[in-house]
Amino acid sequence: MGMMSWWHDADFVVRGVFITLVVLSLVSWTAMIYKVMQFWRLERLERRVVAELRARGSCIDMTQWVSAETPSYLILQEAGRLPLGHGDADIQAQAHHLEHHAERLTHGQRVELESYLTALATIGNSAPFIGLLGTVWGIMHALQGLGAAETISMDVVAGPVAEALVATAMGLFVAIPAVIGYNMLLRRLRQLTALTDRNLRHFIHLAAIDGLRHLFAEAA
């Protein structure tokens, strides 16, 4: 029997708690792996935009070489649909409109990228209490065994106490990685959002410069 002897002695409540915690652990690890890969890919695409902007020094035809998966791509598409200004005031107004639109898109993308992070936070906060439910139930089972036994022995309390300890340990095993993963992913999301914001502001600056260059070329 060994260490799994507690499973044979456990009732449906403790077994249900254990199965629930196992499922929550699988969900949290799946979410963490998926979000790590997603943030790493998006950050790599954004850094590629930084390199291209520095190399080209212009935002002309950016929608042709920026990947559609890049967070900056939506604002670039919107910029491509804006009419070209015919004067310095129009160009400044266009840049101002583009900046406000970029802020709205950045906020919307952040909300979308926060998917699954709420689930991680919920699992990290609730798993210890789910494990505590199994702990309390196991202790109650042990006390009932002591009350019904004619003689007190370790065999009477060993099984229920083992159930309680396993439930507590499993709750912590699920909660600790979920909390750590949530904090790390939240930090990566902030870094990605800051990088995207810098790219968009750089793009707006270059868009205004390209518009002025076009204006001066027409004047000449």
N, C-alpha and C. Protein backbone atom coordinates (compact mmCIF):
# COMPACT_ATOMS: atom_id res chain seq x y z
N MET A 1 0.83 -1.20 0.00
CA MET A 1 0.00 0.00 0.00
C MET A 1 0.87 1.26 0.00
N GLY A 2 1.83 1.36 0.97
CA GLY A 2 2.76 2.47 1.00
C GLY A 2 2.07 3.80 1.23
N MET A 3 2.60 4.82 0.53
CA MET A 3 2.12 6.17 0.75
C MET A 3 0.71 6.38 0.18
N MET A 4 0.24 5.52 -0.72
CA MET A 4 -1.08 5.68 -1.30
C MET A 4 -2.16 4.98 -0.50
N SER A 5 -1.82 4.47 0.68
CA SER A 5 -2.82 3.78 1.50
C SER A 5 -3.94 4.73 1.92
N TRP A 6 -3.63 6.03 2.04
CA TRP A 6 -4.65 6.99 2.43
C TRP A 6 -5.79 7.05 1.42
N TRP A 7 -5.50 6.79 0.13
CA TRP A 7 -6.53 6.85 -0.90
C TRP A 7 -7.60 5.78 -0.68
N HIS A 8 -7.18 4.61 -0.26
CA HIS A 8 -8.14 3.53 -0.04
C HIS A 8 -8.99 3.79 1.20
N ASP A 9 -8.46 4.54 2.14
CA ASP A 9 -9.22 4.84 3.36
C ASP A 9 -10.05 6.11 3.23
N ALA A 10 -9.77 6.93 2.22
CA ALA A 10 -10.45 8.21 2.09
C ALA A 10 -11.88 8.02 1.59
N ASP A 11 -12.78 8.94 2.02
CA ASP A 11 -14.15 8.89 1.53
C ASP A 11 -14.29 9.76 0.28
N PHE A 12 -15.52 9.92 -0.21
CA PHE A 12 -15.74 10.63 -1.48
C PHE A 12 -15.39 12.11 -1.38
N VAL A 13 -15.50 12.72 -0.20
CA VAL A 13 -15.19 14.15 -0.06
C VAL A 13 -13.70 14.40 -0.26
N VAL A 14 -12.88 13.66 0.44
CA VAL A 14 -11.43 13.85 0.34
C VAL A 14 -10.94 13.49 -1.05
N ARG A 15 -11.49 12.42 -1.61
CA ARG A 15 -11.11 12.07 -2.98
C ARG A 15 -11.53 13.16 -3.97
N GLY A 16 -12.71 13.72 -3.77
CA GLY A 16 -13.16 14.80 -4.64
C GLY A 16 -12.27 16.03 -4.52
N VAL A 17 -11.84 16.34 -3.29
CA VAL A 17 -10.93 17.47 -3.10
C VAL A 17 -9.61 17.22 -3.82
N PHE A 18 -9.07 16.03 -3.69
CA PHE A 18 -7.80 15.70 -4.32
C PHE A 18 -7.91 15.77 -5.84
N ILE A 19 -8.98 15.21 -6.42
CA ILE A 19 -9.15 15.24 -7.87
C ILE A 19 -9.33 16.68 -8.35
N THR A 20 -10.08 17.47 -7.60
CA THR A 20 -10.27 18.88 -7.97
C THR A 20 -8.94 19.63 -8.00
N LEU A 21 -8.10 19.39 -7.00
CA LEU A 21 -6.81 20.06 -6.95
C LEU A 21 -5.89 19.60 -8.08
N VAL A 22 -5.96 18.34 -8.43
CA VAL A 22 -5.16 17.85 -9.57
C VAL A 22 -5.59 18.54 -10.86
N VAL A 23 -6.90 18.67 -11.06
CA VAL A 23 -7.41 19.34 -12.26
C VAL A 23 -6.98 20.80 -12.28
N LEU A 24 -7.09 21.47 -11.14
CA LEU A 24 -6.66 22.88 -11.06
C LEU A 24 -5.17 23.03 -11.32
N SER A 25 -4.37 22.08 -10.86
CA SER A 25 -2.94 22.13 -11.13
C SER A 25 -2.65 22.00 -12.62
N LEU A 26 -3.34 21.08 -13.29
CA LEU A 26 -3.15 20.92 -14.74
C LEU A 26 -3.57 22.18 -15.49
N VAL A 27 -4.68 22.78 -15.06
CA VAL A 27 -5.15 24.01 -15.71
C VAL A 27 -4.14 25.14 -15.52
N SER A 28 -3.64 25.29 -14.31
CA SER A 28 -2.70 26.39 -14.05
C SER A 28 -1.40 26.22 -14.82
N TRP A 29 -0.85 25.01 -14.86
CA TRP A 29 0.39 24.79 -15.59
C TRP A 29 0.19 24.96 -17.09
N THR A 30 -0.95 24.51 -17.60
CA THR A 30 -1.24 24.71 -19.03
C THR A 30 -1.34 26.19 -19.35
N ALA A 31 -2.04 26.95 -18.50
CA ALA A 31 -2.17 28.39 -18.72
C ALA A 31 -0.82 29.08 -18.65
N MET A 32 0.02 28.71 -17.68
CA MET A 32 1.33 29.35 -17.54
C MET A 32 2.22 29.08 -18.75
N ILE A 33 2.25 27.84 -19.20
CA ILE A 33 3.08 27.50 -20.37
C ILE A 33 2.60 28.25 -21.61
N TYR A 34 1.28 28.29 -21.79
CA TYR A 34 0.72 28.98 -22.96
C TYR A 34 1.04 30.47 -22.93
N LYS A 35 0.86 31.11 -21.77
CA LYS A 35 1.09 32.55 -21.68
C LYS A 35 2.57 32.89 -21.81
N VAL A 36 3.44 32.06 -21.26
CA VAL A 36 4.88 32.30 -21.41
C VAL A 36 5.27 32.28 -22.89
N MET A 37 4.79 31.28 -23.62
CA MET A 37 5.09 31.18 -25.05
C MET A 37 4.49 32.35 -25.82
N GLN A 38 3.26 32.75 -25.46
CA GLN A 38 2.61 33.86 -26.15
C GLN A 38 3.36 35.17 -25.92
N PHE A 39 3.68 35.46 -24.67
CA PHE A 39 4.39 36.71 -24.37
C PHE A 39 5.78 36.73 -24.99
N TRP A 40 6.47 35.59 -24.98
CA TRP A 40 7.80 35.53 -25.57
C TRP A 40 7.73 35.79 -27.08
N ARG A 41 6.73 35.23 -27.75
CA ARG A 41 6.59 35.43 -29.19
C ARG A 41 6.25 36.88 -29.52
N LEU A 42 5.32 37.46 -28.78
CA LEU A 42 4.93 38.84 -29.05
C LEU A 42 6.05 39.82 -28.73
N GLU A 43 6.78 39.57 -27.66
CA GLU A 43 7.90 40.45 -27.33
C GLU A 43 9.00 40.36 -28.39
N ARG A 44 9.22 39.16 -28.92
CA ARG A 44 10.22 39.00 -29.99
C ARG A 44 9.80 39.77 -31.24
N LEU A 45 8.50 39.73 -31.57
CA LEU A 45 8.01 40.47 -32.73
C LEU A 45 8.13 41.97 -32.52
N GLU A 46 7.84 42.44 -31.30
CA GLU A 46 7.96 43.87 -31.03
C GLU A 46 9.41 44.34 -31.10
N ARG A 47 10.33 43.53 -30.61
CA ARG A 47 11.74 43.91 -30.68
C ARG A 47 12.22 43.91 -32.13
N ARG A 48 11.65 43.07 -32.95
CA ARG A 48 11.99 43.10 -34.37
C ARG A 48 11.52 44.41 -34.99
N VAL A 49 10.36 44.91 -34.56
CA VAL A 49 9.88 46.21 -35.03
C VAL A 49 10.86 47.31 -34.64
N VAL A 50 11.37 47.24 -33.40
CA VAL A 50 12.36 48.23 -32.96
C VAL A 50 13.58 48.23 -33.87
N ALA A 51 14.07 47.04 -34.18
CA ALA A 51 15.26 46.94 -35.04
C ALA A 51 14.97 47.48 -36.44
N GLU A 52 13.79 47.18 -36.98
CA GLU A 52 13.46 47.65 -38.32
C GLU A 52 13.28 49.17 -38.35
N LEU A 53 12.67 49.72 -37.31
CA LEU A 53 12.50 51.17 -37.26
C LEU A 53 13.84 51.89 -37.22
N ARG A 54 14.78 51.34 -36.44
CA ARG A 54 16.10 51.96 -36.35
C ARG A 54 16.85 51.83 -37.68
N ALA A 55 16.67 50.72 -38.35
CA ALA A 55 17.39 50.50 -39.61
C ALA A 55 16.81 51.34 -40.75
N ARG A 56 15.49 51.47 -40.81
CA ARG A 56 14.86 52.17 -41.92
C ARG A 56 14.77 53.67 -41.67
N GLY A 57 14.51 54.05 -40.40
CA GLY A 57 14.36 55.46 -40.08
C GLY A 57 13.11 56.08 -40.67
N SER A 58 12.15 55.24 -41.09
CA SER A 58 10.92 55.72 -41.69
C SER A 58 9.83 54.69 -41.43
N CYS A 59 8.57 55.15 -41.41
CA CYS A 59 7.45 54.24 -41.19
C CYS A 59 6.67 54.00 -42.47
N ILE A 60 7.21 54.39 -43.61
CA ILE A 60 6.53 54.19 -44.88
C ILE A 60 6.47 52.69 -45.20
N ASP A 61 5.30 52.21 -45.60
CA ASP A 61 5.07 50.81 -45.99
C ASP A 61 5.36 49.85 -44.84
N MET A 62 5.16 50.30 -43.61
CA MET A 62 5.44 49.40 -42.48
C MET A 62 4.48 48.23 -42.42
N THR A 63 3.23 48.44 -42.88
CA THR A 63 2.25 47.36 -42.84
C THR A 63 2.64 46.20 -43.74
N GLN A 64 3.60 46.39 -44.62
CA GLN A 64 4.02 45.32 -45.52
C GLN A 64 5.07 44.41 -44.91
N TRP A 65 5.78 44.89 -43.87
CA TRP A 65 6.81 44.05 -43.28
C TRP A 65 6.58 43.75 -41.80
N VAL A 66 5.59 44.39 -41.19
CA VAL A 66 5.27 44.09 -39.80
C VAL A 66 4.33 42.89 -39.76
N SER A 67 4.64 41.91 -38.92
CA SER A 67 3.81 40.72 -38.81
C SER A 67 2.43 41.07 -38.27
N ALA A 68 1.41 40.37 -38.78
CA ALA A 68 0.04 40.62 -38.33
C ALA A 68 -0.18 40.22 -36.88
N GLU A 69 0.73 39.42 -36.30
CA GLU A 69 0.61 39.01 -34.90
C GLU A 69 1.20 40.04 -33.95
N THR A 70 1.91 41.02 -34.47
CA THR A 70 2.54 42.02 -33.62
C THR A 70 1.49 42.93 -33.02
N PRO A 71 1.55 43.21 -31.72
CA PRO A 71 0.56 44.12 -31.12
C PRO A 71 0.51 45.48 -31.79
N SER A 72 1.61 45.94 -32.35
CA SER A 72 1.62 47.25 -33.01
C SER A 72 0.91 47.23 -34.36
N TYR A 73 0.58 46.07 -34.88
CA TYR A 73 0.06 45.97 -36.24
C TYR A 73 -1.30 46.66 -36.39
N LEU A 74 -2.15 46.56 -35.36
CA LEU A 74 -3.48 47.15 -35.46
C LEU A 74 -3.40 48.66 -35.64
N ILE A 75 -2.52 49.30 -34.87
CA ILE A 75 -2.40 50.75 -35.00
C ILE A 75 -1.78 51.13 -36.34
N LEU A 76 -0.93 50.27 -36.86
CA LEU A 76 -0.34 50.54 -38.18
C LEU A 76 -1.41 50.43 -39.26
N GLN A 77 -2.30 49.46 -39.13
CA GLN A 77 -3.39 49.34 -40.09
C GLN A 77 -4.30 50.57 -40.03
N GLU A 78 -4.60 51.02 -38.82
CA GLU A 78 -5.44 52.20 -38.67
C GLU A 78 -4.76 53.43 -39.26
N ALA A 79 -3.45 53.53 -39.07
CA ALA A 79 -2.72 54.68 -39.63
C ALA A 79 -2.77 54.67 -41.14
N GLY A 80 -2.72 53.47 -41.73
CA GLY A 80 -2.77 53.39 -43.18
C GLY A 80 -4.10 53.85 -43.75
N ARG A 81 -5.17 53.83 -42.96
CA ARG A 81 -6.48 54.26 -43.43
C ARG A 81 -6.72 55.75 -43.19
N LEU A 82 -5.83 56.40 -42.44
CA LEU A 82 -6.02 57.84 -42.19
C LEU A 82 -5.63 58.65 -43.43
N PRO A 83 -6.37 59.69 -43.74
CA PRO A 83 -6.00 60.53 -44.90
C PRO A 83 -4.72 61.29 -44.64
N LEU A 84 -3.94 61.47 -45.68
CA LEU A 84 -2.67 62.20 -45.57
C LEU A 84 -2.93 63.69 -45.41
N GLY A 85 -2.28 64.30 -44.43
CA GLY A 85 -2.46 65.73 -44.19
C GLY A 85 -1.89 66.56 -45.34
N HIS A 86 -2.47 67.75 -45.53
CA HIS A 86 -2.01 68.64 -46.60
C HIS A 86 -1.38 69.91 -46.04
N GLY A 87 -1.08 69.91 -44.79
CA GLY A 87 -0.43 71.06 -44.19
C GLY A 87 0.14 70.66 -42.84
N ASP A 88 0.93 71.56 -42.29
CA ASP A 88 1.56 71.24 -41.01
C ASP A 88 0.51 71.03 -39.92
N ALA A 89 -0.53 71.84 -39.92
CA ALA A 89 -1.58 71.69 -38.90
C ALA A 89 -2.31 70.37 -39.06
N ASP A 90 -2.59 69.97 -40.32
CA ASP A 90 -3.26 68.69 -40.56
C ASP A 90 -2.39 67.53 -40.10
N ILE A 91 -1.11 67.61 -40.34
CA ILE A 91 -0.21 66.54 -39.94
C ILE A 91 -0.15 66.43 -38.43
N GLN A 92 -0.10 67.56 -37.75
CA GLN A 92 -0.09 67.54 -36.28
C GLN A 92 -1.40 66.99 -35.73
N ALA A 93 -2.51 67.35 -36.35
CA ALA A 93 -3.81 66.83 -35.92
C ALA A 93 -3.88 65.32 -36.15
N GLN A 94 -3.32 64.89 -37.28
CA GLN A 94 -3.30 63.46 -37.57
C GLN A 94 -2.47 62.71 -36.54
N ALA A 95 -1.31 63.24 -36.17
CA ALA A 95 -0.47 62.60 -35.17
C ALA A 95 -1.17 62.58 -33.81
N HIS A 96 -1.88 63.66 -33.48
CA HIS A 96 -2.61 63.71 -32.21
C HIS A 96 -3.72 62.67 -32.18
N HIS A 97 -4.46 62.55 -33.29
CA HIS A 97 -5.52 61.54 -33.37
C HIS A 97 -4.94 60.14 -33.29
N LEU A 98 -3.82 59.94 -33.93
CA LEU A 98 -3.18 58.63 -33.93
C LEU A 98 -2.71 58.25 -32.52
N GLU A 99 -2.22 59.23 -31.77
CA GLU A 99 -1.77 58.96 -30.41
C GLU A 99 -2.92 58.53 -29.50
N HIS A 100 -4.05 59.21 -29.62
CA HIS A 100 -5.21 58.84 -28.81
C HIS A 100 -5.73 57.47 -29.22
N HIS A 101 -5.73 57.19 -30.50
CA HIS A 101 -6.18 55.89 -30.97
C HIS A 101 -5.23 54.80 -30.49
N ALA A 102 -3.95 55.09 -30.45
CA ALA A 102 -2.98 54.10 -29.97
C ALA A 102 -3.21 53.76 -28.50
N GLU A 103 -3.56 54.75 -27.70
CA GLU A 103 -3.82 54.51 -26.29
C GLU A 103 -5.02 53.58 -26.11
N ARG A 104 -6.08 53.79 -26.90
CA ARG A 104 -7.25 52.93 -26.80
C ARG A 104 -6.94 51.51 -27.24
N LEU A 105 -6.18 51.38 -28.33
CA LEU A 105 -5.83 50.05 -28.80
C LEU A 105 -4.91 49.33 -27.82
N THR A 106 -3.97 50.05 -27.24
CA THR A 106 -3.06 49.44 -26.27
C THR A 106 -3.82 48.92 -25.06
N HIS A 107 -4.79 49.71 -24.59
CA HIS A 107 -5.60 49.26 -23.45
C HIS A 107 -6.42 48.02 -23.83
N GLY A 108 -7.01 48.02 -25.02
CA GLY A 108 -7.79 46.86 -25.45
C GLY A 108 -6.94 45.62 -25.60
N GLN A 109 -5.73 45.77 -26.15
CA GLN A 109 -4.84 44.63 -26.30
C GLN A 109 -4.38 44.11 -24.95
N ARG A 110 -4.15 44.99 -24.00
CA ARG A 110 -3.73 44.54 -22.66
C ARG A 110 -4.83 43.72 -22.01
N VAL A 111 -6.08 44.17 -22.15
CA VAL A 111 -7.20 43.41 -21.58
C VAL A 111 -7.27 42.03 -22.22
N GLU A 112 -7.06 41.97 -23.53
CA GLU A 112 -7.10 40.69 -24.23
C GLU A 112 -5.95 39.78 -23.80
N LEU A 113 -4.77 40.36 -23.62
CA LEU A 113 -3.61 39.56 -23.22
C LEU A 113 -3.69 39.11 -21.76
N GLU A 114 -4.56 39.72 -20.97
CA GLU A 114 -4.72 39.32 -19.58
C GLU A 114 -5.55 38.05 -19.42
N SER A 115 -6.04 37.49 -20.55
CA SER A 115 -6.82 36.26 -20.47
C SER A 115 -5.98 35.15 -19.84
N TYR A 116 -6.62 34.35 -19.02
CA TYR A 116 -6.03 33.24 -18.26
C TYR A 116 -5.28 33.72 -17.02
N LEU A 117 -4.90 34.99 -16.95
CA LEU A 117 -4.23 35.46 -15.73
C LEU A 117 -5.20 35.50 -14.55
N THR A 118 -6.45 35.84 -14.84
CA THR A 118 -7.46 35.83 -13.78
C THR A 118 -7.67 34.42 -13.25
N ALA A 119 -7.64 33.44 -14.16
CA ALA A 119 -7.79 32.05 -13.74
C ALA A 119 -6.63 31.63 -12.84
N LEU A 120 -5.42 32.07 -13.18
CA LEU A 120 -4.26 31.75 -12.35
C LEU A 120 -4.40 32.36 -10.96
N ALA A 121 -4.82 33.62 -10.91
CA ALA A 121 -4.99 34.27 -9.62
C ALA A 121 -6.06 33.58 -8.79
N THR A 122 -7.14 33.17 -9.45
CA THR A 122 -8.22 32.48 -8.74
C THR A 122 -7.75 31.15 -8.18
N ILE A 123 -7.00 30.40 -8.99
CA ILE A 123 -6.49 29.11 -8.52
C ILE A 123 -5.52 29.31 -7.36
N GLY A 124 -4.64 30.30 -7.49
CA GLY A 124 -3.68 30.54 -6.41
C GLY A 124 -4.34 30.94 -5.11
N ASN A 125 -5.47 31.65 -5.19
CA ASN A 125 -6.15 32.09 -3.98
C ASN A 125 -7.06 31.02 -3.39
N SER A 126 -7.65 30.19 -4.25
CA SER A 126 -8.65 29.24 -3.77
C SER A 126 -8.09 27.86 -3.44
N ALA A 127 -6.97 27.47 -4.05
CA ALA A 127 -6.44 26.12 -3.83
C ALA A 127 -6.13 25.83 -2.36
N PRO A 128 -5.51 26.75 -1.60
CA PRO A 128 -5.26 26.44 -0.18
C PRO A 128 -6.54 26.19 0.61
N PHE A 129 -7.61 26.91 0.28
CA PHE A 129 -8.86 26.72 1.00
C PHE A 129 -9.55 25.42 0.61
N ILE A 130 -9.39 25.02 -0.66
CA ILE A 130 -9.92 23.72 -1.07
C ILE A 130 -9.18 22.61 -0.34
N GLY A 131 -7.84 22.76 -0.26
CA GLY A 131 -7.07 21.79 0.52
C GLY A 131 -7.44 21.80 1.99
N LEU A 132 -7.75 22.99 2.51
CA LEU A 132 -8.16 23.09 3.92
C LEU A 132 -9.47 22.37 4.16
N LEU A 133 -10.35 22.39 3.17
CA LEU A 133 -11.60 21.64 3.30
C LEU A 133 -11.32 20.15 3.49
N GLY A 134 -10.40 19.61 2.68
CA GLY A 134 -10.04 18.21 2.86
C GLY A 134 -9.36 17.96 4.19
N THR A 135 -8.58 18.94 4.66
CA THR A 135 -7.91 18.79 5.96
C THR A 135 -8.92 18.72 7.10
N VAL A 136 -9.86 19.65 7.09
CA VAL A 136 -10.88 19.66 8.14
C VAL A 136 -11.72 18.39 8.10
N TRP A 137 -12.07 17.98 6.90
CA TRP A 137 -12.87 16.76 6.78
C TRP A 137 -12.09 15.54 7.27
N GLY A 138 -10.79 15.49 6.97
CA GLY A 138 -9.97 14.37 7.45
C GLY A 138 -9.85 14.35 8.95
N ILE A 139 -9.72 15.51 9.57
CA ILE A 139 -9.64 15.58 11.03
C ILE A 139 -10.97 15.14 11.66
N MET A 140 -12.09 15.58 11.06
CA MET A 140 -13.38 15.13 11.56
C MET A 140 -13.52 13.62 11.46
N HIS A 141 -13.03 13.07 10.36
CA HIS A 141 -13.06 11.62 10.19
C HIS A 141 -12.23 10.93 11.27
N ALA A 142 -11.08 11.52 11.59
CA ALA A 142 -10.23 10.93 12.63
C ALA A 142 -10.90 10.99 13.99
N LEU A 143 -11.55 12.12 14.29
CA LEU A 143 -12.24 12.23 15.58
C LEU A 143 -13.42 11.27 15.67
N GLN A 144 -14.11 11.06 14.58
CA GLN A 144 -15.20 10.10 14.59
C GLN A 144 -14.67 8.68 14.83
N GLY A 145 -13.51 8.40 14.23
CA GLY A 145 -12.91 7.08 14.45
C GLY A 145 -12.50 6.89 15.89
N LEU A 146 -11.97 7.94 16.50
CA LEU A 146 -11.58 7.85 17.91
C LEU A 146 -12.81 7.66 18.81
N GLY A 147 -13.91 8.33 18.48
CA GLY A 147 -15.09 8.21 19.31
C GLY A 147 -15.74 6.87 19.21
N ALA A 148 -15.65 6.22 18.03
CA ALA A 148 -16.29 4.92 17.86
C ALA A 148 -15.39 3.77 18.30
N ALA A 149 -14.09 4.03 18.44
CA ALA A 149 -13.17 2.94 18.79
C ALA A 149 -13.25 2.64 20.28
N GLU A 150 -13.16 1.38 20.58
CA GLU A 150 -13.13 0.97 21.99
C GLU A 150 -11.77 1.24 22.61
N THR A 151 -10.74 1.07 21.83
CA THR A 151 -9.39 1.34 22.30
C THR A 151 -8.71 2.29 21.32
N ILE A 152 -7.91 3.20 21.86
CA ILE A 152 -7.21 4.19 21.03
C ILE A 152 -5.89 3.58 20.54
N SER A 153 -5.70 3.65 19.22
CA SER A 153 -4.47 3.14 18.62
C SER A 153 -4.13 3.99 17.41
N MET A 154 -2.90 3.86 16.94
CA MET A 154 -2.45 4.62 15.78
C MET A 154 -3.19 4.21 14.52
N ASP A 155 -3.63 2.97 14.45
CA ASP A 155 -4.34 2.52 13.26
C ASP A 155 -5.66 3.25 13.08
N VAL A 156 -6.26 3.69 14.17
CA VAL A 156 -7.55 4.36 14.08
C VAL A 156 -7.42 5.76 13.47
N VAL A 157 -6.34 6.46 13.81
CA VAL A 157 -6.19 7.86 13.38
C VAL A 157 -5.21 8.03 12.23
N ALA A 158 -4.42 7.01 11.93
CA ALA A 158 -3.37 7.17 10.91
C ALA A 158 -3.96 7.50 9.55
N GLY A 159 -5.00 6.76 9.15
CA GLY A 159 -5.61 6.98 7.83
C GLY A 159 -6.22 8.35 7.69
N PRO A 160 -7.14 8.77 8.58
CA PRO A 160 -7.73 10.11 8.46
C PRO A 160 -6.72 11.24 8.56
N VAL A 161 -5.70 11.09 9.44
CA VAL A 161 -4.69 12.14 9.54
C VAL A 161 -3.88 12.22 8.25
N ALA A 162 -3.60 11.08 7.65
CA ALA A 162 -2.90 11.08 6.36
C ALA A 162 -3.73 11.78 5.29
N GLU A 163 -5.04 11.56 5.29
CA GLU A 163 -5.90 12.25 4.35
C GLU A 163 -5.79 13.77 4.54
N ALA A 164 -5.82 14.20 5.79
CA ALA A 164 -5.75 15.63 6.07
C ALA A 164 -4.42 16.22 5.61
N LEU A 165 -3.33 15.53 5.87
CA LEU A 165 -2.02 16.05 5.49
C LEU A 165 -1.85 16.10 3.98
N VAL A 166 -2.35 15.08 3.29
CA VAL A 166 -2.25 15.06 1.83
C VAL A 166 -3.06 16.20 1.23
N ALA A 167 -4.25 16.46 1.75
CA ALA A 167 -5.08 17.54 1.23
C ALA A 167 -4.40 18.90 1.43
N THR A 168 -3.79 19.10 2.60
CA THR A 168 -3.07 20.35 2.86
C THR A 168 -1.89 20.52 1.91
N ALA A 169 -1.09 19.47 1.78
CA ALA A 169 0.08 19.54 0.91
C ALA A 169 -0.31 19.76 -0.54
N MET A 170 -1.38 19.11 -0.99
CA MET A 170 -1.81 19.26 -2.37
C MET A 170 -2.31 20.67 -2.64
N GLY A 171 -3.02 21.25 -1.68
CA GLY A 171 -3.48 22.62 -1.86
C GLY A 171 -2.33 23.60 -2.02
N LEU A 172 -1.27 23.44 -1.21
CA LEU A 172 -0.10 24.29 -1.33
C LEU A 172 0.66 24.01 -2.62
N PHE A 173 0.72 22.76 -3.01
CA PHE A 173 1.42 22.38 -4.25
C PHE A 173 0.77 23.03 -5.46
N VAL A 174 -0.55 23.20 -5.43
CA VAL A 174 -1.25 23.84 -6.54
C VAL A 174 -1.14 25.36 -6.45
N ALA A 175 -1.26 25.92 -5.24
CA ALA A 175 -1.35 27.36 -5.07
C ALA A 175 -0.02 28.07 -5.31
N ILE A 176 1.07 27.52 -4.79
CA ILE A 176 2.36 28.22 -4.85
C ILE A 176 2.82 28.46 -6.29
N PRO A 177 2.85 27.43 -7.17
CA PRO A 177 3.24 27.72 -8.56
C PRO A 177 2.30 28.68 -9.27
N ALA A 178 0.99 28.60 -8.96
CA ALA A 178 0.04 29.49 -9.62
C ALA A 178 0.29 30.94 -9.23
N VAL A 179 0.56 31.20 -7.96
CA VAL A 179 0.82 32.57 -7.51
C VAL A 179 2.13 33.10 -8.11
N ILE A 180 3.17 32.27 -8.08
CA ILE A 180 4.45 32.68 -8.66
C ILE A 180 4.31 32.94 -10.16
N GLY A 181 3.63 32.04 -10.86
CA GLY A 181 3.42 32.21 -12.29
C GLY A 181 2.61 33.45 -12.61
N TYR A 182 1.60 33.73 -11.81
CA TYR A 182 0.78 34.93 -12.04
C TYR A 182 1.62 36.20 -11.91
N ASN A 183 2.43 36.28 -10.87
CA ASN A 183 3.26 37.48 -10.66
C ASN A 183 4.30 37.64 -11.77
N MET A 184 4.92 36.54 -12.20
CA MET A 184 5.91 36.62 -13.27
C MET A 184 5.26 37.01 -14.59
N LEU A 185 4.10 36.42 -14.90
CA LEU A 185 3.42 36.74 -16.15
C LEU A 185 2.90 38.17 -16.15
N LEU A 186 2.45 38.65 -15.00
CA LEU A 186 1.99 40.03 -14.92
C LEU A 186 3.15 41.00 -15.19
N ARG A 187 4.32 40.66 -14.69
CA ARG A 187 5.50 41.50 -14.96
C ARG A 187 5.87 41.46 -16.43
N ARG A 188 5.81 40.28 -17.05
CA ARG A 188 6.11 40.18 -18.49
C ARG A 188 5.08 40.95 -19.31
N LEU A 189 3.82 40.94 -18.87
CA LEU A 189 2.80 41.68 -19.59
C LEU A 189 3.06 43.17 -19.51
N ARG A 190 3.49 43.65 -18.35
CA ARG A 190 3.83 45.07 -18.22
C ARG A 190 5.00 45.44 -19.12
N GLN A 191 6.00 44.57 -19.20
CA GLN A 191 7.14 44.83 -20.08
C GLN A 191 6.70 44.87 -21.54
N LEU A 192 5.84 43.92 -21.93
CA LEU A 192 5.37 43.89 -23.31
C LEU A 192 4.53 45.11 -23.63
N THR A 193 3.69 45.53 -22.70
CA THR A 193 2.86 46.71 -22.92
C THR A 193 3.73 47.97 -23.05
N ALA A 194 4.76 48.08 -22.20
CA ALA A 194 5.66 49.23 -22.28
C ALA A 194 6.41 49.24 -23.60
N LEU A 195 6.86 48.07 -24.07
CA LEU A 195 7.58 47.98 -25.34
C LEU A 195 6.66 48.36 -26.49
N THR A 196 5.42 47.87 -26.45
CA THR A 196 4.47 48.22 -27.50
C THR A 196 4.19 49.71 -27.51
N ASP A 197 4.03 50.29 -26.34
CA ASP A 197 3.76 51.73 -26.23
C ASP A 197 4.92 52.54 -26.79
N ARG A 198 6.16 52.12 -26.48
CA ARG A 198 7.32 52.84 -27.03
C ARG A 198 7.36 52.73 -28.55
N ASN A 199 7.05 51.55 -29.08
CA ASN A 199 7.05 51.38 -30.53
C ASN A 199 6.00 52.27 -31.19
N LEU A 200 4.83 52.35 -30.59
CA LEU A 200 3.77 53.17 -31.17
C LEU A 200 4.12 54.66 -31.14
N ARG A 201 4.72 55.09 -30.04
CA ARG A 201 5.12 56.50 -29.96
C ARG A 201 6.24 56.81 -30.97
N HIS A 202 7.15 55.86 -31.14
CA HIS A 202 8.20 56.03 -32.14
C HIS A 202 7.59 56.09 -33.54
N PHE A 203 6.62 55.25 -33.77
CA PHE A 203 5.95 55.24 -35.07
C PHE A 203 5.23 56.56 -35.33
N ILE A 204 4.53 57.07 -34.31
CA ILE A 204 3.82 58.35 -34.48
C ILE A 204 4.80 59.47 -34.80
N HIS A 205 5.95 59.45 -34.11
CA HIS A 205 6.99 60.46 -34.38
C HIS A 205 7.47 60.35 -35.82
N LEU A 206 7.75 59.13 -36.28
CA LEU A 206 8.22 58.95 -37.65
C LEU A 206 7.13 59.27 -38.66
N ALA A 207 5.87 58.98 -38.32
CA ALA A 207 4.77 59.29 -39.23
C ALA A 207 4.66 60.80 -39.44
N ALA A 208 4.82 61.57 -38.37
CA ALA A 208 4.78 63.03 -38.51
C ALA A 208 5.95 63.52 -39.36
N ILE A 209 7.13 62.94 -39.15
CA ILE A 209 8.30 63.34 -39.95
C ILE A 209 8.08 63.00 -41.42
N ASP A 210 7.55 61.79 -41.69
CA ASP A 210 7.31 61.41 -43.08
C ASP A 210 6.26 62.31 -43.73
N GLY A 211 5.26 62.71 -42.94
CA GLY A 211 4.25 63.62 -43.48
C GLY A 211 4.84 64.98 -43.82
N LEU A 212 5.71 65.49 -42.97
CA LEU A 212 6.36 66.77 -43.26
C LEU A 212 7.29 66.66 -44.46
N ARG A 213 7.99 65.53 -44.57
CA ARG A 213 8.85 65.33 -45.74
C ARG A 213 8.03 65.35 -47.02
N HIS A 214 6.86 64.68 -46.97
CA HIS A 214 5.99 64.67 -48.14
C HIS A 214 5.49 66.08 -48.46
N LEU A 215 5.18 66.86 -47.42
CA LEU A 215 4.72 68.23 -47.61
C LEU A 215 5.80 69.10 -48.24
N PHE A 216 7.04 68.96 -47.73
CA PHE A 216 8.13 69.75 -48.28
C PHE A 216 8.45 69.34 -49.72
N ALA A 217 8.31 68.04 -50.01
CA ALA A 217 8.58 67.57 -51.39
C ALA A 217 7.55 68.18 -52.35
N GLU A 218 6.28 68.28 -51.92
CA GLU A 218 5.26 68.87 -52.79
C GLU A 218 5.52 70.37 -52.99
N ALA A 219 5.97 71.04 -51.92
CA ALA A 219 6.25 72.47 -52.02
C ALA A 219 7.41 72.75 -52.97
N ALA A 220 8.40 71.85 -52.98
CA ALA A 220 9.54 72.03 -53.86
C ALA A 220 9.14 71.79 -55.31
